[in-house]
Amino acid sequence: ASIKAYNQAVRAKIRHEQEKASSTQR
């Protein structure tokens, strides 16, 4: 359960950083 939660948090962090980077480029 800890690994699953950790991996989901990392995926969300990466997705957020990608969205932030794409909104900055626009």
mmCIF file of all heavy atoms, coordinates in Angstrom:
data_MODEL
# 
_entry.id   MODEL 
# 
loop_
_atom_site.group_PDB 
_atom_site.id 
_atom_site.type_symbol 
_atom_site.label_atom_id 
_atom_site.label_alt_id 
_atom_site.label_comp_id 
_atom_site.label_asym_id 
_atom_site.label_entity_id 
_atom_site.label_seq_id 
_atom_site.pdbx_PDB_ins_code 
_atom_site.Cartn_x 
_atom_site.Cartn_y 
_atom_site.Cartn_z 
_atom_site.occupancy 
_atom_site.B_iso_or_equiv 
_atom_site.pdbx_formal_charge 
_atom_site.auth_seq_id 
_atom_site.auth_comp_id 
_atom_site.auth_asym_id 
_atom_site.auth_atom_id 
_atom_site.pdbx_PDB_model_num 
ATOM 1   N N   . ALA A 1 1  ? 0.833  -1.204 0.000   1.00 0.00 ? 1  ALA A N   1 
ATOM 2   C CA  . ALA A 1 1  ? 0.000  0.000  0.000   1.00 0.00 ? 1  ALA A CA  1 
ATOM 3   C C   . ALA A 1 1  ? 0.872  1.261  0.000   1.00 0.00 ? 1  ALA A C   1 
ATOM 4   O O   . ALA A 1 1  ? 0.553  2.241  -0.694  1.00 0.00 ? 1  ALA A O   1 
ATOM 5   C CB  . ALA A 1 1  ? -0.937 -0.002 1.212   1.00 0.00 ? 1  ALA A CB  1 
ATOM 6   N N   . SER A 1 2  ? 1.965  1.241  0.751   1.00 0.00 ? 2  SER A N   1 
ATOM 7   C CA  . SER A 1 2  ? 2.877  2.393  0.773   1.00 0.00 ? 2  SER A CA  1 
ATOM 8   C C   . SER A 1 2  ? 3.523  2.611  -0.585  1.00 0.00 ? 2  SER A C   1 
ATOM 9   O O   . SER A 1 2  ? 3.646  3.754  -1.045  1.00 0.00 ? 2  SER A O   1 
ATOM 10  C CB  . SER A 1 2  ? 3.968  2.190  1.826   1.00 0.00 ? 2  SER A CB  1 
ATOM 11  O OG  . SER A 1 2  ? 3.406  2.105  3.102   1.00 0.00 ? 2  SER A OG  1 
ATOM 12  N N   . ILE A 1 3  ? 3.931  1.551  -1.232  1.00 0.00 ? 3  ILE A N   1 
ATOM 13  C CA  . ILE A 1 3  ? 4.558  1.648  -2.555  1.00 0.00 ? 3  ILE A CA  1 
ATOM 14  C C   . ILE A 1 3  ? 3.553  2.172  -3.570  1.00 0.00 ? 3  ILE A C   1 
ATOM 15  O O   . ILE A 1 3  ? 3.867  3.047  -4.384  1.00 0.00 ? 3  ILE A O   1 
ATOM 16  C CB  . ILE A 1 3  ? 5.112  0.275  -2.988  1.00 0.00 ? 3  ILE A CB  1 
ATOM 17  C CG1 . ILE A 1 3  ? 6.304  -0.090 -2.113  1.00 0.00 ? 3  ILE A CG1 1 
ATOM 18  C CG2 . ILE A 1 3  ? 5.504  0.268  -4.461  1.00 0.00 ? 3  ILE A CG2 1 
ATOM 19  C CD1 . ILE A 1 3  ? 6.696  -1.547 -2.205  1.00 0.00 ? 3  ILE A CD1 1 
ATOM 20  N N   . LYS A 1 4  ? 2.338  1.661  -3.534  1.00 0.00 ? 4  LYS A N   1 
ATOM 21  C CA  . LYS A 1 4  ? 1.298  2.099  -4.459  1.00 0.00 ? 4  LYS A CA  1 
ATOM 22  C C   . LYS A 1 4  ? 1.017  3.593  -4.276  1.00 0.00 ? 4  LYS A C   1 
ATOM 23  O O   . LYS A 1 4  ? 0.942  4.340  -5.248  1.00 0.00 ? 4  LYS A O   1 
ATOM 24  C CB  . LYS A 1 4  ? 0.034  1.275  -4.240  1.00 0.00 ? 4  LYS A CB  1 
ATOM 25  C CG  . LYS A 1 4  ? -1.054 1.539  -5.246  1.00 0.00 ? 4  LYS A CG  1 
ATOM 26  C CD  . LYS A 1 4  ? -2.146 0.502  -5.117  1.00 0.00 ? 4  LYS A CD  1 
ATOM 27  C CE  . LYS A 1 4  ? -3.307 0.765  -6.030  1.00 0.00 ? 4  LYS A CE  1 
ATOM 28  N NZ  . LYS A 1 4  ? -2.996 0.646  -7.436  1.00 0.00 ? 4  LYS A NZ  1 
ATOM 29  N N   . ALA A 1 5  ? 0.877  4.033  -3.030  1.00 0.00 ? 5  ALA A N   1 
ATOM 30  C CA  . ALA A 1 5  ? 0.619  5.450  -2.754  1.00 0.00 ? 5  ALA A CA  1 
ATOM 31  C C   . ALA A 1 5  ? 1.802  6.319  -3.185  1.00 0.00 ? 5  ALA A C   1 
ATOM 32  O O   . ALA A 1 5  ? 1.621  7.399  -3.761  1.00 0.00 ? 5  ALA A O   1 
ATOM 33  C CB  . ALA A 1 5  ? 0.322  5.652  -1.273  1.00 0.00 ? 5  ALA A CB  1 
ATOM 34  N N   . TYR A 1 6  ? 3.006  5.844  -2.918  1.00 0.00 ? 6  TYR A N   1 
ATOM 35  C CA  . TYR A 1 6  ? 4.203  6.592  -3.305  1.00 0.00 ? 6  TYR A CA  1 
ATOM 36  C C   . TYR A 1 6  ? 4.284  6.749  -4.824  1.00 0.00 ? 6  TYR A C   1 
ATOM 37  O O   . TYR A 1 6  ? 4.513  7.850  -5.329  1.00 0.00 ? 6  TYR A O   1 
ATOM 38  C CB  . TYR A 1 6  ? 5.465  5.896  -2.781  1.00 0.00 ? 6  TYR A CB  1 
ATOM 39  C CG  . TYR A 1 6  ? 6.728  6.518  -3.305  1.00 0.00 ? 6  TYR A CG  1 
ATOM 40  C CD1 . TYR A 1 6  ? 7.242  7.674  -2.739  1.00 0.00 ? 6  TYR A CD1 1 
ATOM 41  C CD2 . TYR A 1 6  ? 7.397  5.967  -4.394  1.00 0.00 ? 6  TYR A CD2 1 
ATOM 42  C CE1 . TYR A 1 6  ? 8.388  8.267  -3.244  1.00 0.00 ? 6  TYR A CE1 1 
ATOM 43  C CE2 . TYR A 1 6  ? 8.538  6.541  -4.896  1.00 0.00 ? 6  TYR A CE2 1 
ATOM 44  C CZ  . TYR A 1 6  ? 9.032  7.693  -4.317  1.00 0.00 ? 6  TYR A CZ  1 
ATOM 45  O OH  . TYR A 1 6  ? 10.154 8.282  -4.823  1.00 0.00 ? 6  TYR A OH  1 
ATOM 46  N N   . ASN A 1 7  ? 4.085  5.649  -5.561  1.00 0.00 ? 7  ASN A N   1 
ATOM 47  C CA  . ASN A 1 7  ? 4.169  5.718  -7.021  1.00 0.00 ? 7  ASN A CA  1 
ATOM 48  C C   . ASN A 1 7  ? 3.084  6.618  -7.603  1.00 0.00 ? 7  ASN A C   1 
ATOM 49  O O   . ASN A 1 7  ? 3.332  7.351  -8.564  1.00 0.00 ? 7  ASN A O   1 
ATOM 50  C CB  . ASN A 1 7  ? 4.101  4.318  -7.636  1.00 0.00 ? 7  ASN A CB  1 
ATOM 51  C CG  . ASN A 1 7  ? 5.412  3.575  -7.498  1.00 0.00 ? 7  ASN A CG  1 
ATOM 52  O OD1 . ASN A 1 7  ? 6.468  4.164  -7.276  1.00 0.00 ? 7  ASN A OD1 1 
ATOM 53  N ND2 . ASN A 1 7  ? 5.356  2.260  -7.631  1.00 0.00 ? 7  ASN A ND2 1 
ATOM 54  N N   . GLN A 1 8  ? 1.890  6.597  -7.029  1.00 0.00 ? 8  GLN A N   1 
ATOM 55  C CA  . GLN A 1 8  ? 0.825  7.490  -7.493  1.00 0.00 ? 8  GLN A CA  1 
ATOM 56  C C   . GLN A 1 8  ? 1.190  8.951  -7.234  1.00 0.00 ? 8  GLN A C   1 
ATOM 57  O O   . GLN A 1 8  ? 0.940  9.821  -8.076  1.00 0.00 ? 8  GLN A O   1 
ATOM 58  C CB  . GLN A 1 8  ? -0.497 7.157  -6.814  1.00 0.00 ? 8  GLN A CB  1 
ATOM 59  C CG  . GLN A 1 8  ? -1.137 5.901  -7.333  1.00 0.00 ? 8  GLN A CG  1 
ATOM 60  C CD  . GLN A 1 8  ? -2.440 5.569  -6.621  1.00 0.00 ? 8  GLN A CD  1 
ATOM 61  O OE1 . GLN A 1 8  ? -2.739 6.110  -5.549  1.00 0.00 ? 8  GLN A OE1 1 
ATOM 62  N NE2 . GLN A 1 8  ? -3.209 4.663  -7.199  1.00 0.00 ? 8  GLN A NE2 1 
ATOM 63  N N   . ALA A 1 9  ? 1.793  9.228  -6.089  1.00 0.00 ? 9  ALA A N   1 
ATOM 64  C CA  . ALA A 1 9  ? 2.203  10.594 -5.773  1.00 0.00 ? 9  ALA A CA  1 
ATOM 65  C C   . ALA A 1 9  ? 3.289  11.072 -6.729  1.00 0.00 ? 9  ALA A C   1 
ATOM 66  O O   . ALA A 1 9  ? 3.270  12.233 -7.176  1.00 0.00 ? 9  ALA A O   1 
ATOM 67  C CB  . ALA A 1 9  ? 2.689  10.681 -4.329  1.00 0.00 ? 9  ALA A CB  1 
ATOM 68  N N   . VAL A 1 10 ? 4.229  10.203 -7.049  1.00 0.00 ? 10 VAL A N   1 
ATOM 69  C CA  . VAL A 1 10 ? 5.293  10.581 -7.990  1.00 0.00 ? 10 VAL A CA  1 
ATOM 70  C C   . VAL A 1 10 ? 4.708  10.841 -9.373  1.00 0.00 ? 10 VAL A C   1 
ATOM 71  O O   . VAL A 1 10 ? 5.073  11.817 -10.031 1.00 0.00 ? 10 VAL A O   1 
ATOM 72  C CB  . VAL A 1 10 ? 6.389  9.493  -8.045  1.00 0.00 ? 10 VAL A CB  1 
ATOM 73  C CG1 . VAL A 1 10 ? 7.346  9.733  -9.195  1.00 0.00 ? 10 VAL A CG1 1 
ATOM 74  C CG2 . VAL A 1 10 ? 7.152  9.448  -6.737  1.00 0.00 ? 10 VAL A CG2 1 
ATOM 75  N N   . ARG A 1 11 ? 3.777  9.987  -9.816  1.00 0.00 ? 11 ARG A N   1 
ATOM 76  C CA  . ARG A 1 11 ? 3.137  10.210 -11.126 1.00 0.00 ? 11 ARG A CA  1 
ATOM 77  C C   . ARG A 1 11 ? 2.389  11.531 -11.139 1.00 0.00 ? 11 ARG A C   1 
ATOM 78  O O   . ARG A 1 11 ? 2.435  12.274 -12.126 1.00 0.00 ? 11 ARG A O   1 
ATOM 79  C CB  . ARG A 1 11 ? 2.202  9.059  -11.467 1.00 0.00 ? 11 ARG A CB  1 
ATOM 80  C CG  . ARG A 1 11 ? 2.927  7.822  -11.954 1.00 0.00 ? 11 ARG A CG  1 
ATOM 81  C CD  . ARG A 1 11 ? 1.978  6.811  -12.564 1.00 0.00 ? 11 ARG A CD  1 
ATOM 82  N NE  . ARG A 1 11 ? 1.069  6.205  -11.602 1.00 0.00 ? 11 ARG A NE  1 
ATOM 83  C CZ  . ARG A 1 11 ? 1.334  5.101  -10.909 1.00 0.00 ? 11 ARG A CZ  1 
ATOM 84  N NH1 . ARG A 1 11 ? 2.479  4.479  -11.065 1.00 0.00 ? 11 ARG A NH1 1 
ATOM 85  N NH2 . ARG A 1 11 ? 0.457  4.625  -10.059 1.00 0.00 ? 11 ARG A NH2 1 
ATOM 86  N N   . ALA A 1 12 ? 1.684  11.850 -10.060 1.00 0.00 ? 12 ALA A N   1 
ATOM 87  C CA  . ALA A 1 12 ? 0.952  13.119 -9.974  1.00 0.00 ? 12 ALA A CA  1 
ATOM 88  C C   . ALA A 1 12 ? 1.920  14.304 -9.995  1.00 0.00 ? 12 ALA A C   1 
ATOM 89  O O   . ALA A 1 12 ? 1.649  15.324 -10.642 1.00 0.00 ? 12 ALA A O   1 
ATOM 90  C CB  . ALA A 1 12 ? 0.101  13.155 -8.711  1.00 0.00 ? 12 ALA A CB  1 
ATOM 91  N N   . LYS A 1 13 ? 3.040  14.172 -9.310  1.00 0.00 ? 13 LYS A N   1 
ATOM 92  C CA  . LYS A 1 13 ? 4.050  15.240 -9.287  1.00 0.00 ? 13 LYS A CA  1 
ATOM 93  C C   . LYS A 1 13 ? 4.616  15.466 -10.689 1.00 0.00 ? 13 LYS A C   1 
ATOM 94  O O   . LYS A 1 13 ? 4.745  16.606 -11.133 1.00 0.00 ? 13 LYS A O   1 
ATOM 95  C CB  . LYS A 1 13 ? 5.169  14.866 -8.321  1.00 0.00 ? 13 LYS A CB  1 
ATOM 96  C CG  . LYS A 1 13 ? 6.285  15.870 -8.253  1.00 0.00 ? 13 LYS A CG  1 
ATOM 97  C CD  . LYS A 1 13 ? 7.385  15.390 -7.308  1.00 0.00 ? 13 LYS A CD  1 
ATOM 98  C CE  . LYS A 1 13 ? 8.570  16.312 -7.352  1.00 0.00 ? 13 LYS A CE  1 
ATOM 99  N NZ  . LYS A 1 13 ? 9.676  15.829 -6.534  1.00 0.00 ? 13 LYS A NZ  1 
ATOM 100 N N   . ILE A 1 14 ? 4.930  14.380 -11.380 1.00 0.00 ? 14 ILE A N   1 
ATOM 101 C CA  . ILE A 1 14 ? 5.475  14.494 -12.737 1.00 0.00 ? 14 ILE A CA  1 
ATOM 102 C C   . ILE A 1 14 ? 4.437  15.113 -13.668 1.00 0.00 ? 14 ILE A C   1 
ATOM 103 O O   . ILE A 1 14 ? 4.757  16.002 -14.472 1.00 0.00 ? 14 ILE A O   1 
ATOM 104 C CB  . ILE A 1 14 ? 5.931  13.108 -13.254 1.00 0.00 ? 14 ILE A CB  1 
ATOM 105 C CG1 . ILE A 1 14 ? 7.157  12.647 -12.465 1.00 0.00 ? 14 ILE A CG1 1 
ATOM 106 C CG2 . ILE A 1 14 ? 6.232  13.147 -14.748 1.00 0.00 ? 14 ILE A CG2 1 
ATOM 107 C CD1 . ILE A 1 14 ? 7.544  11.201 -12.719 1.00 0.00 ? 14 ILE A CD1 1 
ATOM 108 N N   . ARG A 1 15 ? 3.182  14.666 -13.564 1.00 0.00 ? 15 ARG A N   1 
ATOM 109 C CA  . ARG A 1 15 ? 2.115  15.217 -14.396 1.00 0.00 ? 15 ARG A CA  1 
ATOM 110 C C   . ARG A 1 15 ? 1.937  16.717 -14.125 1.00 0.00 ? 15 ARG A C   1 
ATOM 111 O O   . ARG A 1 15 ? 1.796  17.512 -15.049 1.00 0.00 ? 15 ARG A O   1 
ATOM 112 C CB  . ARG A 1 15 ? 0.827  14.447 -14.120 1.00 0.00 ? 15 ARG A CB  1 
ATOM 113 C CG  . ARG A 1 15 ? -0.276 14.694 -15.091 1.00 0.00 ? 15 ARG A CG  1 
ATOM 114 C CD  . ARG A 1 15 ? -1.465 13.743 -14.940 1.00 0.00 ? 15 ARG A CD  1 
ATOM 115 N NE  . ARG A 1 15 ? -1.804 13.376 -13.565 1.00 0.00 ? 15 ARG A NE  1 
ATOM 116 C CZ  . ARG A 1 15 ? -1.607 12.169 -13.047 1.00 0.00 ? 15 ARG A CZ  1 
ATOM 117 N NH1 . ARG A 1 15 ? -1.051 11.211 -13.753 1.00 0.00 ? 15 ARG A NH1 1 
ATOM 118 N NH2 . ARG A 1 15 ? -1.957 11.916 -11.796 1.00 0.00 ? 15 ARG A NH2 1 
ATOM 119 N N   . HIS A 1 16 ? 1.988  17.103 -12.853 1.00 0.00 ? 16 HIS A N   1 
ATOM 120 C CA  . HIS A 1 16 ? 1.850  18.512 -12.485 1.00 0.00 ? 16 HIS A CA  1 
ATOM 121 C C   . HIS A 1 16 ? 3.002  19.336 -13.059 1.00 0.00 ? 16 HIS A C   1 
ATOM 122 O O   . HIS A 1 16 ? 2.779  20.442 -13.577 1.00 0.00 ? 16 HIS A O   1 
ATOM 123 C CB  . HIS A 1 16 ? 1.797  18.653 -10.967 1.00 0.00 ? 16 HIS A CB  1 
ATOM 124 C CG  . HIS A 1 16 ? 1.754  20.063 -10.486 1.00 0.00 ? 16 HIS A CG  1 
ATOM 125 N ND1 . HIS A 1 16 ? 0.634  20.848 -10.642 1.00 0.00 ? 16 HIS A ND1 1 
ATOM 126 C CD2 . HIS A 1 16 ? 2.692  20.845 -9.876  1.00 0.00 ? 16 HIS A CD2 1 
ATOM 127 C CE1 . HIS A 1 16 ? 0.886  22.049 -10.136 1.00 0.00 ? 16 HIS A CE1 1 
ATOM 128 N NE2 . HIS A 1 16 ? 2.129  22.068 -9.667  1.00 0.00 ? 16 HIS A NE2 1 
ATOM 129 N N   . GLU A 1 17 ? 4.228  18.815 -12.960 1.00 0.00 ? 17 GLU A N   1 
ATOM 130 C CA  . GLU A 1 17 ? 5.381  19.536 -13.505 1.00 0.00 ? 17 GLU A CA  1 
ATOM 131 C C   . GLU A 1 17 ? 5.292  19.672 -15.021 1.00 0.00 ? 17 GLU A C   1 
ATOM 132 O O   . GLU A 1 17 ? 5.647  20.712 -15.570 1.00 0.00 ? 17 GLU A O   1 
ATOM 133 C CB  . GLU A 1 17 ? 6.683  18.826 -13.117 1.00 0.00 ? 17 GLU A CB  1 
ATOM 134 C CG  . GLU A 1 17 ? 7.017  18.947 -11.652 1.00 0.00 ? 17 GLU A CG  1 
ATOM 135 C CD  . GLU A 1 17 ? 8.199  18.093 -11.217 1.00 0.00 ? 17 GLU A CD  1 
ATOM 136 O OE1 . GLU A 1 17 ? 8.694  17.271 -12.037 1.00 0.00 ? 17 GLU A OE1 1 
ATOM 137 O OE2 . GLU A 1 17 ? 8.624  18.237 -10.063 1.00 0.00 ? 17 GLU A OE2 1 
ATOM 138 N N   . GLN A 1 18 ? 4.790  18.636 -15.696 1.00 0.00 ? 18 GLN A N   1 
ATOM 139 C CA  . GLN A 1 18 ? 4.629  18.708 -17.149 1.00 0.00 ? 18 GLN A CA  1 
ATOM 140 C C   . GLN A 1 18 ? 3.563  19.724 -17.531 1.00 0.00 ? 18 GLN A C   1 
ATOM 141 O O   . GLN A 1 18 ? 3.738  20.488 -18.481 1.00 0.00 ? 18 GLN A O   1 
ATOM 142 C CB  . GLN A 1 18 ? 4.272  17.329 -17.715 1.00 0.00 ? 18 GLN A CB  1 
ATOM 143 C CG  . GLN A 1 18 ? 5.413  16.352 -17.679 1.00 0.00 ? 18 GLN A CG  1 
ATOM 144 C CD  . GLN A 1 18 ? 4.996  14.942 -18.069 1.00 0.00 ? 18 GLN A CD  1 
ATOM 145 O OE1 . GLN A 1 18 ? 3.810  14.628 -18.124 1.00 0.00 ? 18 GLN A OE1 1 
ATOM 146 N NE2 . GLN A 1 18 ? 5.982  14.091 -18.338 1.00 0.00 ? 18 GLN A NE2 1 
ATOM 147 N N   . GLU A 1 19 ? 2.455  19.743 -16.801 1.00 0.00 ? 19 GLU A N   1 
ATOM 148 C CA  . GLU A 1 19 ? 1.400  20.721 -17.064 1.00 0.00 ? 19 GLU A CA  1 
ATOM 149 C C   . GLU A 1 19 ? 1.900  22.135 -16.813 1.00 0.00 ? 19 GLU A C   1 
ATOM 150 O O   . GLU A 1 19 ? 1.588  23.061 -17.566 1.00 0.00 ? 19 GLU A O   1 
ATOM 151 C CB  . GLU A 1 19 ? 0.172  20.436 -16.208 1.00 0.00 ? 19 GLU A CB  1 
ATOM 152 C CG  . GLU A 1 19 ? -0.562 19.184 -16.608 1.00 0.00 ? 19 GLU A CG  1 
ATOM 153 C CD  . GLU A 1 19 ? -1.654 18.811 -15.629 1.00 0.00 ? 19 GLU A CD  1 
ATOM 154 O OE1 . GLU A 1 19 ? -1.834 19.512 -14.605 1.00 0.00 ? 19 GLU A OE1 1 
ATOM 155 O OE2 . GLU A 1 19 ? -2.345 17.795 -15.875 1.00 0.00 ? 19 GLU A OE2 1 
ATOM 156 N N   . LYS A 1 20 ? 2.672  22.298 -15.757 1.00 0.00 ? 20 LYS A N   1 
ATOM 157 C CA  . LYS A 1 20 ? 3.218  23.613 -15.427 1.00 0.00 ? 20 LYS A CA  1 
ATOM 158 C C   . LYS A 1 20 ? 4.183  24.084 -16.520 1.00 0.00 ? 20 LYS A C   1 
ATOM 159 O O   . LYS A 1 20 ? 4.166  25.229 -16.924 1.00 0.00 ? 20 LYS A O   1 
ATOM 160 C CB  . LYS A 1 20 ? 3.946  23.538 -14.077 1.00 0.00 ? 20 LYS A CB  1 
ATOM 161 C CG  . LYS A 1 20 ? 4.392  24.848 -13.524 1.00 0.00 ? 20 LYS A CG  1 
ATOM 162 C CD  . LYS A 1 20 ? 5.003  24.656 -12.145 1.00 0.00 ? 20 LYS A CD  1 
ATOM 163 C CE  . LYS A 1 20 ? 5.539  25.936 -11.583 1.00 0.00 ? 20 LYS A CE  1 
ATOM 164 N NZ  . LYS A 1 20 ? 6.155  25.732 -10.269 1.00 0.00 ? 20 LYS A NZ  1 
ATOM 165 N N   . ALA A 1 21 ? 5.020  23.150 -16.990 1.00 0.00 ? 21 ALA A N   1 
ATOM 166 C CA  . ALA A 1 21 ? 5.972  23.489 -18.043 1.00 0.00 ? 21 ALA A CA  1 
ATOM 167 C C   . ALA A 1 21 ? 5.266  23.818 -19.358 1.00 0.00 ? 21 ALA A C   1 
ATOM 168 O O   . ALA A 1 21 ? 5.637  24.765 -20.055 1.00 0.00 ? 21 ALA A O   1 
ATOM 169 C CB  . ALA A 1 21 ? 6.964  22.341 -18.262 1.00 0.00 ? 21 ALA A CB  1 
ATOM 170 N N   . SER A 1 22 ? 4.211  23.070 -19.695 1.00 0.00 ? 22 SER A N   1 
ATOM 171 C CA  . SER A 1 22 ? 3.506  23.331 -20.940 1.00 0.00 ? 22 SER A CA  1 
ATOM 172 C C   . SER A 1 22 ? 2.717  24.634 -20.861 1.00 0.00 ? 22 SER A C   1 
ATOM 173 O O   . SER A 1 22 ? 2.600  25.360 -21.847 1.00 0.00 ? 22 SER A O   1 
ATOM 174 C CB  . SER A 1 22 ? 2.576  22.175 -21.298 1.00 0.00 ? 22 SER A CB  1 
ATOM 175 O OG  . SER A 1 22 ? 1.544  22.060 -20.353 1.00 0.00 ? 22 SER A OG  1 
ATOM 176 N N   . SER A 1 23 ? 2.181  24.967 -19.691 1.00 0.00 ? 23 SER A N   1 
ATOM 177 C CA  . SER A 1 23 ? 1.460  26.245 -19.552 1.00 0.00 ? 23 SER A CA  1 
ATOM 178 C C   . SER A 1 23 ? 2.429  27.422 -19.592 1.00 0.00 ? 23 SER A C   1 
ATOM 179 O O   . SER A 1 23 ? 2.080  28.499 -20.060 1.00 0.00 ? 23 SER A O   1 
ATOM 180 C CB  . SER A 1 23 ? 0.624  26.268 -18.266 1.00 0.00 ? 23 SER A CB  1 
ATOM 181 O OG  . SER A 1 23 ? 1.465  26.310 -17.139 1.00 0.00 ? 23 SER A OG  1 
ATOM 182 N N   . THR A 1 24 ? 3.643  27.233 -19.128 1.00 0.00 ? 24 THR A N   1 
ATOM 183 C CA  . THR A 1 24 ? 4.654  28.301 -19.177 1.00 0.00 ? 24 THR A CA  1 
ATOM 184 C C   . THR A 1 24 ? 5.101  28.531 -20.617 1.00 0.00 ? 24 THR A C   1 
ATOM 185 O O   . THR A 1 24 ? 5.338  29.660 -21.017 1.00 0.00 ? 24 THR A O   1 
ATOM 186 C CB  . THR A 1 24 ? 5.873  27.910 -18.314 1.00 0.00 ? 24 THR A CB  1 
ATOM 187 O OG1 . THR A 1 24 ? 5.424  27.538 -17.016 1.00 0.00 ? 24 THR A OG1 1 
ATOM 188 C CG2 . THR A 1 24 ? 6.836  29.074 -18.195 1.00 0.00 ? 24 THR A CG2 1 
ATOM 189 N N   . GLN A 1 25 ? 5.185  27.467 -21.406 1.00 0.00 ? 25 GLN A N   1 
ATOM 190 C CA  . GLN A 1 25 ? 5.623  27.597 -22.801 1.00 0.00 ? 25 GLN A CA  1 
ATOM 191 C C   . GLN A 1 25 ? 4.552  28.261 -23.654 1.00 0.00 ? 25 GLN A C   1 
ATOM 192 O O   . GLN A 1 25 ? 4.881  28.922 -24.624 1.00 0.00 ? 25 GLN A O   1 
ATOM 193 C CB  . GLN A 1 25 ? 5.963  26.222 -23.377 1.00 0.00 ? 25 GLN A CB  1 
ATOM 194 C CG  . GLN A 1 25 ? 7.202  25.618 -22.792 1.00 0.00 ? 25 GLN A CG  1 
ATOM 195 C CD  . GLN A 1 25 ? 7.448  24.203 -23.299 1.00 0.00 ? 25 GLN A CD  1 
ATOM 196 O OE1 . GLN A 1 25 ? 6.606  23.641 -23.990 1.00 0.00 ? 25 GLN A OE1 1 
ATOM 197 N NE2 . GLN A 1 25 ? 8.599  23.645 -22.962 1.00 0.00 ? 25 GLN A NE2 1 
ATOM 198 N N   . ARG A 1 26 ? 3.296  28.124 -23.319 1.00 0.00 ? 26 ARG A N   1 
ATOM 199 C CA  . ARG A 1 26 ? 2.198  28.730 -24.104 1.00 0.00 ? 26 ARG A CA  1 
ATOM 200 C C   . ARG A 1 26 ? 2.181  30.233 -24.005 1.00 0.00 ? 26 ARG A C   1 
ATOM 201 O O   . ARG A 1 26 ? 1.710  30.910 -24.871 1.00 0.00 ? 26 ARG A O   1 
ATOM 202 C CB  . ARG A 1 26 ? 0.858  28.178 -23.645 1.00 0.00 ? 26 ARG A CB  1 
ATOM 203 C CG  . ARG A 1 26 ? 0.631  26.746 -24.033 1.00 0.00 ? 26 ARG A CG  1 
ATOM 204 C CD  . ARG A 1 26 ? -0.765 26.342 -23.648 1.00 0.00 ? 26 ARG A CD  1 
ATOM 205 N NE  . ARG A 1 26 ? -0.721 24.933 -23.282 1.00 0.00 ? 26 ARG A NE  1 
ATOM 206 C CZ  . ARG A 1 26 ? -1.584 24.313 -22.532 1.00 0.00 ? 26 ARG A CZ  1 
ATOM 207 N NH1 . ARG A 1 26 ? -2.617 24.987 -22.048 1.00 0.00 ? 26 ARG A NH1 1 
ATOM 208 N NH2 . ARG A 1 26 ? -1.483 23.058 -22.250 1.00 0.00 ? 26 ARG A NH2 1 
# 
